[in-house]
């Protein structure tokens, strides 16, 4: 069983002021909903399964998780949220567009083909 070293090979430091760099960057501030630029995509995966993908969210992961939970509940579907991307199982582009505009997001469009 191997253990991954997330500090880039650093095992131990004797420097009392040492702070390891964090790979998980999270924005300190979030843009208000009317300033965000969100795009809604339809992606097809294995076996022709479809997923609605919302890209472009800027803000802390807590707000991203809350928005994803709302969208998943309203669409009655499963999904995931990470790295400023919300994935909802199934083709729910129209419903997600309507829900995001109701939440105050003004610059929301369907993208892709």
PDB file of N, CA and C in Angstrom:
ATOM      1  N   UNK A   1       0.837  -1.159   0.000  1.00  0.00           N
ATOM      2  CA  UNK A   1       0.000   0.000   0.000  1.00  0.00           C
ATOM      3  C   UNK A   1       0.890   1.233   0.000  1.00  0.00           C
ATOM      4  N   UNK A   2       0.692   2.097  -0.992  1.00  0.00           N
ATOM      5  CA  UNK A   2       1.528   3.287  -1.063  1.00  0.00           C
ATOM      6  C   UNK A   2       0.796   4.483  -0.476  1.00  0.00           C
ATOM      7  N   UNK A   3       1.547   5.362   0.113  1.00  0.00           N
ATOM      8  CA  UNK A   3       0.991   6.587   0.666  1.00  0.00           C
ATOM      9  C   UNK A   3       1.476   7.747  -0.194  1.00  0.00           C
ATOM     10  N   UNK A   4       0.550   8.578  -0.614  1.00  0.00           N
ATOM     11  CA  UNK A   4       0.911   9.718  -1.441  1.00  0.00           C
ATOM     12  C   UNK A   4       1.417  10.850  -0.574  1.00  0.00           C
ATOM     13  N   UNK A   5       2.492  11.485  -1.021  1.00  0.00           N
ATOM     14  CA  UNK A   5       3.023  12.650  -0.342  1.00  0.00           C
ATOM     15  C   UNK A   5       2.494  13.877  -1.063  1.00  0.00           C
ATOM     16  N   UNK A   6       1.640  14.642  -0.410  1.00  0.00           N
ATOM     17  CA  UNK A   6       1.024  15.802  -1.045  1.00  0.00           C
ATOM     18  C   UNK A   6       1.851  17.069  -0.910  1.00  0.00           C
ATOM     19  N   UNK A   7       3.019  16.988  -0.298  1.00  0.00           N
ATOM     20  CA  UNK A   7       3.868  18.167  -0.130  1.00  0.00           C
ATOM     21  C   UNK A   7       4.980  18.231  -1.165  1.00  0.00           C
ATOM     22  N   UNK A   8       4.858  17.501  -2.259  1.00  0.00           N
ATOM     23  CA  UNK A   8       5.836  17.574  -3.330  1.00  0.00           C
ATOM     24  C   UNK A   8       7.173  16.971  -2.971  1.00  0.00           C
ATOM     25  N   UNK A   9       7.200  15.898  -2.199  1.00  0.00           N
ATOM     26  CA  UNK A   9       8.439  15.236  -1.844  1.00  0.00           C
ATOM     27  C   UNK A   9       9.000  15.662  -0.502  1.00  0.00           C
ATOM     28  N   UNK A  10       8.489  16.736   0.091  1.00  0.00           N
ATOM     29  CA  UNK A  10       8.966  17.202   1.385  1.00  0.00           C
ATOM     30  C   UNK A  10       8.423  16.286   2.476  1.00  0.00           C
ATOM     31  N   UNK A  11       9.304  15.767   3.301  1.00  0.00           N
ATOM     32  CA  UNK A  11       8.901  14.858   4.358  1.00  0.00           C
ATOM     33  C   UNK A  11       8.921  15.556   5.713  1.00  0.00           C
ATOM     34  N   UNK A  12       9.942  16.364   5.964  1.00  0.00           N
ATOM     35  CA  UNK A  12      10.105  16.980   7.274  1.00  0.00           C
ATOM     36  C   UNK A  12      10.852  18.303   7.120  1.00  0.00           C
ATOM     37  N   UNK A  13      10.477  19.299   7.908  1.00  0.00           N
ATOM     38  CA  UNK A  13      11.172  20.580   7.883  1.00  0.00           C
ATOM     39  C   UNK A  13      11.455  21.032   9.308  1.00  0.00           C
ATOM     40  N   UNK A  14      12.669  21.563   9.544  1.00  0.00           N
ATOM     41  CA  UNK A  14      13.022  22.074  10.857  1.00  0.00           C
ATOM     42  C   UNK A  14      12.772  23.570  10.973  1.00  0.00           C
ATOM     43  N   UNK A  15      12.337  24.205   9.897  1.00  0.00           N
ATOM     44  CA  UNK A  15      12.057  25.624   9.894  1.00  0.00           C
ATOM     45  C   UNK A  15      10.778  25.889  10.700  1.00  0.00           C
ATOM     46  N   UNK A  16      10.839  26.693  11.788  1.00  0.00           N
ATOM     47  CA  UNK A  16       9.642  26.911  12.594  1.00  0.00           C
ATOM     48  C   UNK A  16       8.583  27.764  11.891  1.00  0.00           C
ATOM     49  N   UNK A  17       8.949  28.478  10.822  1.00  0.00           N
ATOM     50  CA  UNK A  17       8.004  29.329  10.108  1.00  0.00           C
ATOM     51  C   UNK A  17       7.518  28.679   8.811  1.00  0.00           C
ATOM     52  N   UNK A  18       7.769  27.392   8.649  1.00  0.00           N
ATOM     53  CA  UNK A  18       7.406  26.693   7.421  1.00  0.00           C
ATOM     54  C   UNK A  18       5.897  26.494   7.352  1.00  0.00           C
ATOM     55  N   UNK A  19       5.333  26.831   6.199  1.00  0.00           N
ATOM     56  CA  UNK A  19       3.919  26.572   5.929  1.00  0.00           C
ATOM     57  C   UNK A  19       3.844  25.883   4.583  1.00  0.00           C
ATOM     58  N   UNK A  20       3.349  24.652   4.541  1.00  0.00           N
ATOM     59  CA  UNK A  20       3.268  23.951   3.256  1.00  0.00           C
ATOM     60  C   UNK A  20       2.271  24.644   2.330  1.00  0.00           C
ATOM     61  N   UNK A  21       2.588  24.618   1.052  1.00  0.00           N
ATOM     62  CA  UNK A  21       1.699  25.207   0.066  1.00  0.00           C
ATOM     63  C   UNK A  21       0.478  24.327  -0.076  1.00  0.00           C
ATOM     64  N   UNK A  22      -0.653  24.957  -0.196  1.00  0.00           N
ATOM     65  CA  UNK A  22      -1.897  24.219  -0.352  1.00  0.00           C
ATOM     66  C   UNK A  22      -2.249  24.155  -1.834  1.00  0.00           C
ATOM     67  N   UNK A  23      -2.604  22.959  -2.312  1.00  0.00           N
ATOM     68  CA  UNK A  23      -3.011  22.797  -3.701  1.00  0.00           C
ATOM     69  C   UNK A  23      -4.462  23.199  -3.913  1.00  0.00           C
ATOM     70  N   UNK A  24      -5.249  23.157  -2.865  1.00  0.00           N
ATOM     71  CA  UNK A  24      -6.673  23.456  -2.977  1.00  0.00           C
ATOM     72  C   UNK A  24      -6.884  24.961  -2.928  1.00  0.00           C
ATOM     73  N   UNK A  25      -6.937  25.588  -4.088  1.00  0.00           N
ATOM     74  CA  UNK A  25      -7.165  27.024  -4.161  1.00  0.00           C
ATOM     75  C   UNK A  25      -8.656  27.282  -4.102  1.00  0.00           C
ATOM     76  N   UNK A  26      -9.053  28.140  -3.193  1.00  0.00           N
ATOM     77  CA  UNK A  26     -10.442  28.528  -3.083  1.00  0.00           C
ATOM     78  C   UNK A  26     -10.505  30.042  -3.078  1.00  0.00           C
ATOM     79  N   UNK A  27     -11.299  30.636  -3.969  1.00  0.00           N
ATOM     80  CA  UNK A  27     -11.358  32.091  -4.021  1.00  0.00           C
ATOM     81  C   UNK A  27     -11.838  32.672  -2.692  1.00  0.00           C
ATOM     82  N   UNK A  28     -11.227  33.786  -2.281  1.00  0.00           N
ATOM     83  CA  UNK A  28     -11.620  34.433  -1.035  1.00  0.00           C
ATOM     84  C   UNK A  28     -12.971  35.121  -1.175  1.00  0.00           C
ATOM     85  N   UNK A  29     -13.207  35.699  -2.319  1.00  0.00           N
ATOM     86  CA  UNK A  29     -14.457  36.406  -2.531  1.00  0.00           C
ATOM     87  C   UNK A  29     -15.240  35.732  -3.642  1.00  0.00           C
ATOM     88  N   UNK A  30     -16.511  35.963  -3.634  1.00  0.00           N
ATOM     89  CA  UNK A  30     -17.334  35.429  -4.701  1.00  0.00           C
ATOM     90  C   UNK A  30     -17.992  36.586  -5.433  1.00  0.00           C
ATOM     91  N   UNK A  31     -18.260  36.382  -6.685  1.00  0.00           N
ATOM     92  CA  UNK A  31     -18.954  37.396  -7.459  1.00  0.00           C
ATOM     93  C   UNK A  31     -20.442  37.308  -7.139  1.00  0.00           C
ATOM     94  N   UNK A  32     -21.122  38.449  -7.134  1.00  0.00           N
ATOM     95  CA  UNK A  32     -22.572  38.378  -6.945  1.00  0.00           C
ATOM     96  C   UNK A  32     -23.206  37.656  -8.138  1.00  0.00           C
ATOM     97  N   UNK A  33     -24.369  37.059  -7.939  1.00  0.00           N
ATOM     98  CA  UNK A  33     -24.984  36.271  -9.023  1.00  0.00           C
ATOM     99  C   UNK A  33     -25.174  37.041 -10.327  1.00  0.00           C
ATOM    100  N   UNK A  34     -25.476  38.340 -10.255  1.00  0.00           N
ATOM    101  CA  UNK A  34     -25.718  39.081 -11.500  1.00  0.00           C
ATOM    102  C   UNK A  34     -24.436  39.365 -12.282  1.00  0.00           C
ATOM    103  N   UNK A  35     -23.257  39.159 -11.674  1.00  0.00           N
ATOM    104  CA  UNK A  35     -21.979  39.373 -12.358  1.00  0.00           C
ATOM    105  C   UNK A  35     -21.363  38.076 -12.879  1.00  0.00           C
ATOM    106  N   UNK A  36     -21.909  36.934 -12.507  1.00  0.00           N
ATOM    107  CA  UNK A  36     -21.337  35.649 -12.907  1.00  0.00           C
ATOM    108  C   UNK A  36     -21.717  35.313 -14.353  1.00  0.00           C
ATOM    109  N   UNK A  37     -20.809  34.632 -15.033  1.00  0.00           N
ATOM    110  CA  UNK A  37     -21.038  34.171 -16.397  1.00  0.00           C
ATOM    111  C   UNK A  37     -21.087  32.649 -16.351  1.00  0.00           C
ATOM    112  N   UNK A  38     -22.292  32.092 -16.462  1.00  0.00           N
ATOM    113  CA  UNK A  38     -22.473  30.645 -16.393  1.00  0.00           C
ATOM    114  C   UNK A  38     -22.916  30.111 -17.749  1.00  0.00           C
ATOM    115  N   UNK A  39     -22.404  28.953 -18.100  1.00  0.00           N
ATOM    116  CA  UNK A  39     -22.776  28.279 -19.337  1.00  0.00           C
ATOM    117  C   UNK A  39     -23.278  26.880 -19.014  1.00  0.00           C
ATOM    118  N   UNK A  40     -24.357  26.496 -19.687  1.00  0.00           N
ATOM    119  CA  UNK A  40     -24.981  25.192 -19.457  1.00  0.00           C
ATOM    120  C   UNK A  40     -24.713  24.317 -20.680  1.00  0.00           C
ATOM    121  N   UNK A  41     -24.067  23.182 -20.455  1.00  0.00           N
ATOM    122  CA  UNK A  41     -23.680  22.258 -21.510  1.00  0.00           C
ATOM    123  C   UNK A  41     -24.418  20.942 -21.358  1.00  0.00           C
ATOM    124  N   UNK A  42     -24.570  20.229 -22.446  1.00  0.00           N
ATOM    125  CA  UNK A  42     -25.057  18.854 -22.420  1.00  0.00           C
ATOM    126  C   UNK A  42     -23.900  17.972 -22.856  1.00  0.00           C
ATOM    127  N   UNK A  43     -23.505  17.057 -21.989  1.00  0.00           N
ATOM    128  CA  UNK A  43     -22.415  16.149 -22.315  1.00  0.00           C
ATOM    129  C   UNK A  43     -22.946  14.723 -22.305  1.00  0.00           C
ATOM    130  N   UNK A  44     -22.444  13.934 -23.251  1.00  0.00           N
ATOM    131  CA  UNK A  44     -22.839  12.533 -23.336  1.00  0.00           C
ATOM    132  C   UNK A  44     -21.668  11.661 -22.928  1.00  0.00           C
ATOM    133  N   UNK A  45     -21.955  10.696 -22.091  1.00  0.00           N
ATOM    134  CA  UNK A  45     -20.910   9.817 -21.599  1.00  0.00           C
ATOM    135  C   UNK A  45     -21.053   8.415 -22.162  1.00  0.00           C
ATOM    136  N   UNK A  46     -20.568   7.455 -21.405  1.00  0.00           N
ATOM    137  CA  UNK A  46     -20.609   6.062 -21.828  1.00  0.00           C
ATOM    138  C   UNK A  46     -22.043   5.589 -22.000  1.00  0.00           C
ATOM    139  N   UNK A  47     -22.289   4.832 -23.041  1.00  0.00           N
ATOM    140  CA  UNK A  47     -23.606   4.261 -23.266  1.00  0.00           C
ATOM    141  C   UNK A  47     -24.661   5.285 -23.629  1.00  0.00           C
ATOM    142  N   UNK A  48     -24.259   6.489 -24.038  1.00  0.00           N
ATOM    143  CA  UNK A  48     -25.213   7.518 -24.439  1.00  0.00           C
ATOM    144  C   UNK A  48     -25.868   8.231 -23.274  1.00  0.00           C
ATOM    145  N   UNK A  49     -25.349   8.058 -22.067  1.00  0.00           N
ATOM    146  CA  UNK A  49     -25.925   8.736 -20.906  1.00  0.00           C
ATOM    147  C   UNK A  49     -25.626  10.229 -20.993  1.00  0.00           C
ATOM    148  N   UNK A  50     -26.617  11.025 -20.645  1.00  0.00           N
ATOM    149  CA  UNK A  50     -26.488  12.470 -20.751  1.00  0.00           C
ATOM    150  C   UNK A  50     -26.327  13.103 -19.378  1.00  0.00           C
ATOM    151  N   UNK A  51     -25.630  14.231 -19.361  1.00  0.00           N
ATOM    152  CA  UNK A  51     -25.455  14.993 -18.127  1.00  0.00           C
ATOM    153  C   UNK A  51     -25.497  16.477 -18.465  1.00  0.00           C
ATOM    154  N   UNK A  52     -26.184  17.233 -17.641  1.00  0.00           N
ATOM    155  CA  UNK A  52     -26.224  18.683 -17.762  1.00  0.00           C
ATOM    156  C   UNK A  52     -25.079  19.241 -16.930  1.00  0.00           C
ATOM    157  N   UNK A  53     -24.240  20.066 -17.544  1.00  0.00           N
ATOM    158  CA  UNK A  53     -23.049  20.586 -16.879  1.00  0.00           C
ATOM    159  C   UNK A  53     -23.124  22.110 -16.855  1.00  0.00           C
ATOM    160  N   UNK A  54     -22.975  22.684 -15.655  1.00  0.00           N
ATOM    161  CA  UNK A  54     -22.961  24.137 -15.477  1.00  0.00           C
ATOM    162  C   UNK A  54     -21.523  24.531 -15.166  1.00  0.00           C
ATOM    163  N   UNK A  55     -20.926  25.363 -16.032  1.00  0.00           N
ATOM    164  CA  UNK A  55     -19.526  25.765 -15.879  1.00  0.00           C
ATOM    165  C   UNK A  55     -19.432  27.259 -15.647  1.00  0.00           C
ATOM    166  N   UNK A  56     -18.377  27.675 -14.938  1.00  0.00           N
ATOM    167  CA  UNK A  56     -18.071  29.088 -14.788  1.00  0.00           C
ATOM    168  C   UNK A  56     -18.405  29.701 -13.449  1.00  0.00           C
ATOM    169  N   UNK A  57     -18.831  28.914 -12.465  1.00  0.00           N
ATOM    170  CA  UNK A  57     -19.171  29.470 -11.159  1.00  0.00           C
ATOM    171  C   UNK A  57     -17.908  29.947 -10.454  1.00  0.00           C
ATOM    172  N   UNK A  58     -17.955  31.164  -9.904  1.00  0.00           N
ATOM    173  CA  UNK A  58     -16.827  31.718  -9.163  1.00  0.00           C
ATOM    174  C   UNK A  58     -17.290  31.988  -7.738  1.00  0.00           C
ATOM    175  N   UNK A  59     -16.656  31.309  -6.788  1.00  0.00           N
ATOM    176  CA  UNK A  59     -17.016  31.501  -5.393  1.00  0.00           C
ATOM    177  C   UNK A  59     -16.539  30.342  -4.555  1.00  0.00           C
ATOM    178  N   UNK A  60     -16.780  30.401  -3.256  1.00  0.00           N
ATOM    179  CA  UNK A  60     -16.341  29.332  -2.362  1.00  0.00           C
ATOM    180  C   UNK A  60     -17.093  28.028  -2.633  1.00  0.00           C
ATOM    181  N   UNK A  61     -16.470  26.929  -2.267  1.00  0.00           N
ATOM    182  CA  UNK A  61     -17.062  25.626  -2.551  1.00  0.00           C
ATOM    183  C   UNK A  61     -18.367  25.423  -1.787  1.00  0.00           C
ATOM    184  N   UNK A  62     -18.543  26.091  -0.658  1.00  0.00           N
ATOM    185  CA  UNK A  62     -19.796  25.981   0.085  1.00  0.00           C
ATOM    186  C   UNK A  62     -20.979  26.511  -0.711  1.00  0.00           C
ATOM    187  N   UNK A  63     -20.798  27.643  -1.366  1.00  0.00           N
ATOM    188  CA  UNK A  63     -21.864  28.201  -2.200  1.00  0.00           C
ATOM    189  C   UNK A  63     -22.111  27.326  -3.418  1.00  0.00           C
ATOM    190  N   UNK A  64     -21.045  26.763  -3.973  1.00  0.00           N
ATOM    191  CA  UNK A  64     -21.181  25.860  -5.113  1.00  0.00           C
ATOM    192  C   UNK A  64     -22.003  24.638  -4.719  1.00  0.00           C
ATOM    193  N   UNK A  65     -21.711  24.076  -3.553  1.00  0.00           N
ATOM    194  CA  UNK A  65     -22.444  22.900  -3.063  1.00  0.00           C
ATOM    195  C   UNK A  65     -23.916  23.235  -2.830  1.00  0.00           C
ATOM    196  N   UNK A  66     -24.202  24.416  -2.267  1.00  0.00           N
ATOM    197  CA  UNK A  66     -25.591  24.821  -2.032  1.00  0.00           C
ATOM    198  C   UNK A  66     -26.357  24.954  -3.338  1.00  0.00           C
ATOM    199  N   UNK A  67     -25.737  25.588  -4.332  1.00  0.00           N
ATOM    200  CA  UNK A  67     -26.382  25.764  -5.626  1.00  0.00           C
ATOM    201  C   UNK A  67     -26.608  24.414  -6.296  1.00  0.00           C
ATOM    202  N   UNK A  68     -25.624  23.520  -6.207  1.00  0.00           N
ATOM    203  CA  UNK A  68     -25.764  22.196  -6.801  1.00  0.00           C
ATOM    204  C   UNK A  68     -26.889  21.421  -6.126  1.00  0.00           C
ATOM    205  N   UNK A  69     -26.981  21.522  -4.816  1.00  0.00           N
ATOM    206  CA  UNK A  69     -28.028  20.812  -4.079  1.00  0.00           C
ATOM    207  C   UNK A  69     -29.408  21.307  -4.511  1.00  0.00           C
ATOM    208  N   UNK A  70     -29.553  22.633  -4.655  1.00  0.00           N
ATOM    209  CA  UNK A  70     -30.819  23.198  -5.102  1.00  0.00           C
ATOM    210  C   UNK A  70     -31.197  22.685  -6.488  1.00  0.00           C
ATOM    211  N   UNK A  71     -30.227  22.724  -7.414  1.00  0.00           N
ATOM    212  CA  UNK A  71     -30.502  22.283  -8.781  1.00  0.00           C
ATOM    213  C   UNK A  71     -30.839  20.791  -8.837  1.00  0.00           C
ATOM    214  N   UNK A  72     -30.105  19.986  -8.078  1.00  0.00           N
ATOM    215  CA  UNK A  72     -30.369  18.552  -8.067  1.00  0.00           C
ATOM    216  C   UNK A  72     -31.745  18.248  -7.485  1.00  0.00           C
ATOM    217  N   UNK A  73     -32.137  18.956  -6.434  1.00  0.00           N
ATOM    218  CA  UNK A  73     -33.455  18.736  -5.833  1.00  0.00           C
ATOM    219  C   UNK A  73     -34.573  19.132  -6.789  1.00  0.00           C
ATOM    220  N   UNK A  74     -34.441  20.278  -7.435  1.00  0.00           N
ATOM    221  CA  UNK A  74     -35.487  20.759  -8.339  1.00  0.00           C
ATOM    222  C   UNK A  74     -35.596  19.906  -9.605  1.00  0.00           C
ATOM    223  N   UNK A  75     -34.473  19.328 -10.036  1.00  0.00           N
ATOM    224  CA  UNK A  75     -34.484  18.479 -11.231  1.00  0.00           C
ATOM    225  C   UNK A  75     -34.770  17.020 -10.891  1.00  0.00           C
ATOM    226  N   UNK A  76     -34.815  16.690  -9.611  1.00  0.00           N
ATOM    227  CA  UNK A  76     -35.037  15.320  -9.145  1.00  0.00           C
ATOM    228  C   UNK A  76     -34.029  14.376  -9.776  1.00  0.00           C
ATOM    229  N   UNK A  77     -32.763  14.750  -9.692  1.00  0.00           N
ATOM    230  CA  UNK A  77     -31.702  13.948 -10.295  1.00  0.00           C
ATOM    231  C   UNK A  77     -30.466  13.990  -9.405  1.00  0.00           C
ATOM    232  N   UNK A  78     -29.570  13.056  -9.634  1.00  0.00           N
ATOM    233  CA  UNK A  78     -28.305  13.032  -8.915  1.00  0.00           C
ATOM    234  C   UNK A  78     -27.306  13.935  -9.599  1.00  0.00           C
ATOM    235  N   UNK A  79     -26.143  14.032  -8.995  1.00  0.00           N
ATOM    236  CA  UNK A  79     -25.119  14.861  -9.600  1.00  0.00           C
ATOM    237  C   UNK A  79     -23.948  15.076  -8.678  1.00  0.00           C
ATOM    238  N   UNK A  80     -23.123  16.062  -9.057  1.00  0.00           N
ATOM    239  CA  UNK A  80     -21.874  16.301  -8.367  1.00  0.00           C
ATOM    240  C   UNK A  80     -21.506  17.774  -8.538  1.00  0.00           C
ATOM    241  N   UNK A  81     -20.695  18.297  -7.615  1.00  0.00           N
ATOM    242  CA  UNK A  81     -20.209  19.673  -7.733  1.00  0.00           C
ATOM    243  C   UNK A  81     -18.785  19.738  -7.222  1.00  0.00           C
ATOM    244  N   UNK A  82     -17.858  20.154  -8.094  1.00  0.00           N
ATOM    245  CA  UNK A  82     -16.470  20.374  -7.689  1.00  0.00           C
ATOM    246  C   UNK A  82     -15.757  21.170  -8.765  1.00  0.00           C
ATOM    247  N   UNK A  83     -14.700  21.858  -8.379  1.00  0.00           N
ATOM    248  CA  UNK A  83     -13.875  22.640  -9.306  1.00  0.00           C
ATOM    249  C   UNK A  83     -14.689  23.617 -10.152  1.00  0.00           C
ATOM    250  N   UNK A  84     -15.626  24.332  -9.535  1.00  0.00           N
ATOM    251  CA  UNK A  84     -16.459  25.338 -10.212  1.00  0.00           C
ATOM    252  C   UNK A  84     -17.347  24.757 -11.298  1.00  0.00           C
ATOM    253  N   UNK A  85     -17.644  23.459 -11.218  1.00  0.00           N
ATOM    254  CA  UNK A  85     -18.495  22.790 -12.202  1.00  0.00           C
ATOM    255  C   UNK A  85     -19.574  22.016 -11.470  1.00  0.00           C
ATOM    256  N   UNK A  86     -20.816  22.149 -11.941  1.00  0.00           N
ATOM    257  CA  UNK A  86     -21.939  21.381 -11.400  1.00  0.00           C
ATOM    258  C   UNK A  86     -22.389  20.412 -12.471  1.00  0.00           C
ATOM    259  N   UNK A  87     -22.494  19.135 -12.115  1.00  0.00           N
ATOM    260  CA  UNK A  87     -22.935  18.105 -13.048  1.00  0.00           C
ATOM    261  C   UNK A  87     -24.242  17.525 -12.520  1.00  0.00           C
ATOM    262  N   UNK A  88     -25.265  17.506 -13.374  1.00  0.00           N
ATOM    263  CA  UNK A  88     -26.565  16.945 -13.016  1.00  0.00           C
ATOM    264  C   UNK A  88     -26.891  15.853 -14.027  1.00  0.00           C
ATOM    265  N   UNK A  89     -27.274  14.693 -13.527  1.00  0.00           N
ATOM    266  CA  UNK A  89     -27.556  13.563 -14.408  1.00  0.00           C
ATOM    267  C   UNK A  89     -28.822  13.820 -15.210  1.00  0.00           C
ATOM    268  N   UNK A  90     -28.728  13.609 -16.519  1.00  0.00           N
ATOM    269  CA  UNK A  90     -29.869  13.777 -17.411  1.00  0.00           C
ATOM    270  C   UNK A  90     -29.829  15.115 -18.129  1.00  0.00           C
ATOM    271  N   UNK A  91     -30.736  15.267 -19.094  1.00  0.00           N
ATOM    272  CA  UNK A  91     -30.832  16.495 -19.877  1.00  0.00           C
ATOM    273  C   UNK A  91     -31.852  17.419 -19.216  1.00  0.00           C
ATOM    274  N   UNK A  92     -31.363  18.377 -18.423  1.00  0.00           N
ATOM    275  CA  UNK A  92     -32.219  19.312 -17.705  1.00  0.00           C
ATOM    276  C   UNK A  92     -31.830  20.752 -18.026  1.00  0.00           C
ATOM    277  N   UNK A  93     -31.353  20.997 -19.240  1.00  0.00           N
ATOM    278  CA  UNK A  93     -30.832  22.324 -19.572  1.00  0.00           C
ATOM    279  C   UNK A  93     -31.869  23.433 -19.428  1.00  0.00           C
ATOM    280  N   UNK A  94     -33.078  23.207 -19.918  1.00  0.00           N
ATOM    281  CA  UNK A  94     -34.102  24.249 -19.855  1.00  0.00           C
ATOM    282  C   UNK A  94     -34.492  24.562 -18.412  1.00  0.00           C
ATOM    283  N   UNK A  95     -34.669  23.519 -17.620  1.00  0.00           N
ATOM    284  CA  UNK A  95     -35.061  23.704 -16.224  1.00  0.00           C
ATOM    285  C   UNK A  95     -33.943  24.389 -15.430  1.00  0.00           C
ATOM    286  N   UNK A  96     -32.692  23.987 -15.667  1.00  0.00           N
ATOM    287  CA  UNK A  96     -31.554  24.598 -14.969  1.00  0.00           C
ATOM    288  C   UNK A  96     -31.434  26.066 -15.363  1.00  0.00           C
ATOM    289  N   UNK A  97     -31.623  26.383 -16.625  1.00  0.00           N
ATOM    290  CA  UNK A  97     -31.580  27.773 -17.086  1.00  0.00           C
ATOM    291  C   UNK A  97     -32.631  28.606 -16.362  1.00  0.00           C
ATOM    292  N   UNK A  98     -33.845  28.086 -16.261  1.00  0.00           N
ATOM    293  CA  UNK A  98     -34.924  28.790 -15.574  1.00  0.00           C
ATOM    294  C   UNK A  98     -34.605  28.964 -14.087  1.00  0.00           C
ATOM    295  N   UNK A  99     -34.105  27.916 -13.442  1.00  0.00           N
ATOM    296  CA  UNK A  99     -33.795  27.986 -12.012  1.00  0.00           C
ATOM    297  C   UNK A  99     -32.672  28.972 -11.716  1.00  0.00           C
ATOM    298  N   UNK A 100     -31.643  28.994 -12.563  1.00  0.00           N
ATOM    299  CA  UNK A 100     -30.529  29.919 -12.345  1.00  0.00           C
ATOM    300  C   UNK A 100     -30.960  31.372 -12.518  1.00  0.00           C
ATOM    301  N   UNK A 101     -31.821  31.645 -13.502  1.00  0.00           N
ATOM    302  CA  UNK A 101     -32.297  33.021 -13.672  1.00  0.00           C
ATOM    303  C   UNK A 101     -33.189  33.427 -12.501  1.00  0.00           C
ATOM    304  N   UNK A 102     -33.946  32.485 -11.939  1.00  0.00           N
ATOM    305  CA  UNK A 102     -34.756  32.778 -10.752  1.00  0.00           C
ATOM    306  C   UNK A 102     -33.877  33.069  -9.539  1.00  0.00           C
ATOM    307  N   UNK A 103     -32.685  32.480  -9.485  1.00  0.00           N
ATOM    308  CA  UNK A 103     -31.757  32.693  -8.380  1.00  0.00           C
ATOM    309  C   UNK A 103     -30.982  34.005  -8.517  1.00  0.00           C
ATOM    310  N   UNK A 104     -31.181  34.733  -9.619  1.00  0.00           N
ATOM    311  CA  UNK A 104     -30.536  36.032  -9.781  1.00  0.00           C
ATOM    312  C   UNK A 104     -29.342  36.034 -10.713  1.00  0.00           C
ATOM    313  N   UNK A 105     -29.019  34.902 -11.323  1.00  0.00           N
ATOM    314  CA  UNK A 105     -27.918  34.843 -12.288  1.00  0.00           C
ATOM    315  C   UNK A 105     -28.442  35.393 -13.609  1.00  0.00           C
ATOM    316  N   UNK A 106     -27.836  36.488 -14.086  1.00  0.00           N
ATOM    317  CA  UNK A 106     -28.346  37.149 -15.285  1.00  0.00           C
ATOM    318  C   UNK A 106     -27.664  36.688 -16.569  1.00  0.00           C
ATOM    319  N   UNK A 107     -26.380  36.405 -16.506  1.00  0.00           N
ATOM    320  CA  UNK A 107     -25.634  36.021 -17.701  1.00  0.00           C
ATOM    321  C   UNK A 107     -25.506  34.504 -17.765  1.00  0.00           C
ATOM    322  N   UNK A 108     -26.629  33.840 -18.055  1.00  0.00           N
ATOM    323  CA  UNK A 108     -26.679  32.389 -18.137  1.00  0.00           C
ATOM    324  C   UNK A 108     -27.174  32.020 -19.526  1.00  0.00           C
ATOM    325  N   UNK A 109     -26.433  31.147 -20.209  1.00  0.00           N
ATOM    326  CA  UNK A 109     -26.819  30.722 -21.552  1.00  0.00           C
ATOM    327  C   UNK A 109     -26.562  29.250 -21.734  1.00  0.00           C
ATOM    328  N   UNK A 110     -27.319  28.658 -22.648  1.00  0.00           N
ATOM    329  CA  UNK A 110     -27.021  27.298 -23.069  1.00  0.00           C
ATOM    330  C   UNK A 110     -25.872  27.376 -24.056  1.00  0.00           C
ATOM    331  N   UNK A 111     -24.926  26.457 -23.927  1.00  0.00           N
ATOM    332  CA  UNK A 111     -23.744  26.469 -24.799  1.00  0.00           C
ATOM    333  C   UNK A 111     -23.637  25.115 -25.497  1.00  0.00           C
ATOM    334  N   UNK A 112     -22.750  25.064 -26.465  1.00  0.00           N
ATOM    335  CA  UNK A 112     -22.524  23.814 -27.183  1.00  0.00           C
ATOM    336  C   UNK A 112     -23.527  23.640 -28.302  1.00  0.00           C
ATOM    337  N   UNK A 113     -23.536  22.446 -28.864  1.00  0.00           N
ATOM    338  CA  UNK A 113     -24.395  22.165 -30.014  1.00  0.00           C
ATOM    339  C   UNK A 113     -25.679  21.688 -29.628  1.00  0.00           C
TER     340      UNK A 113
END
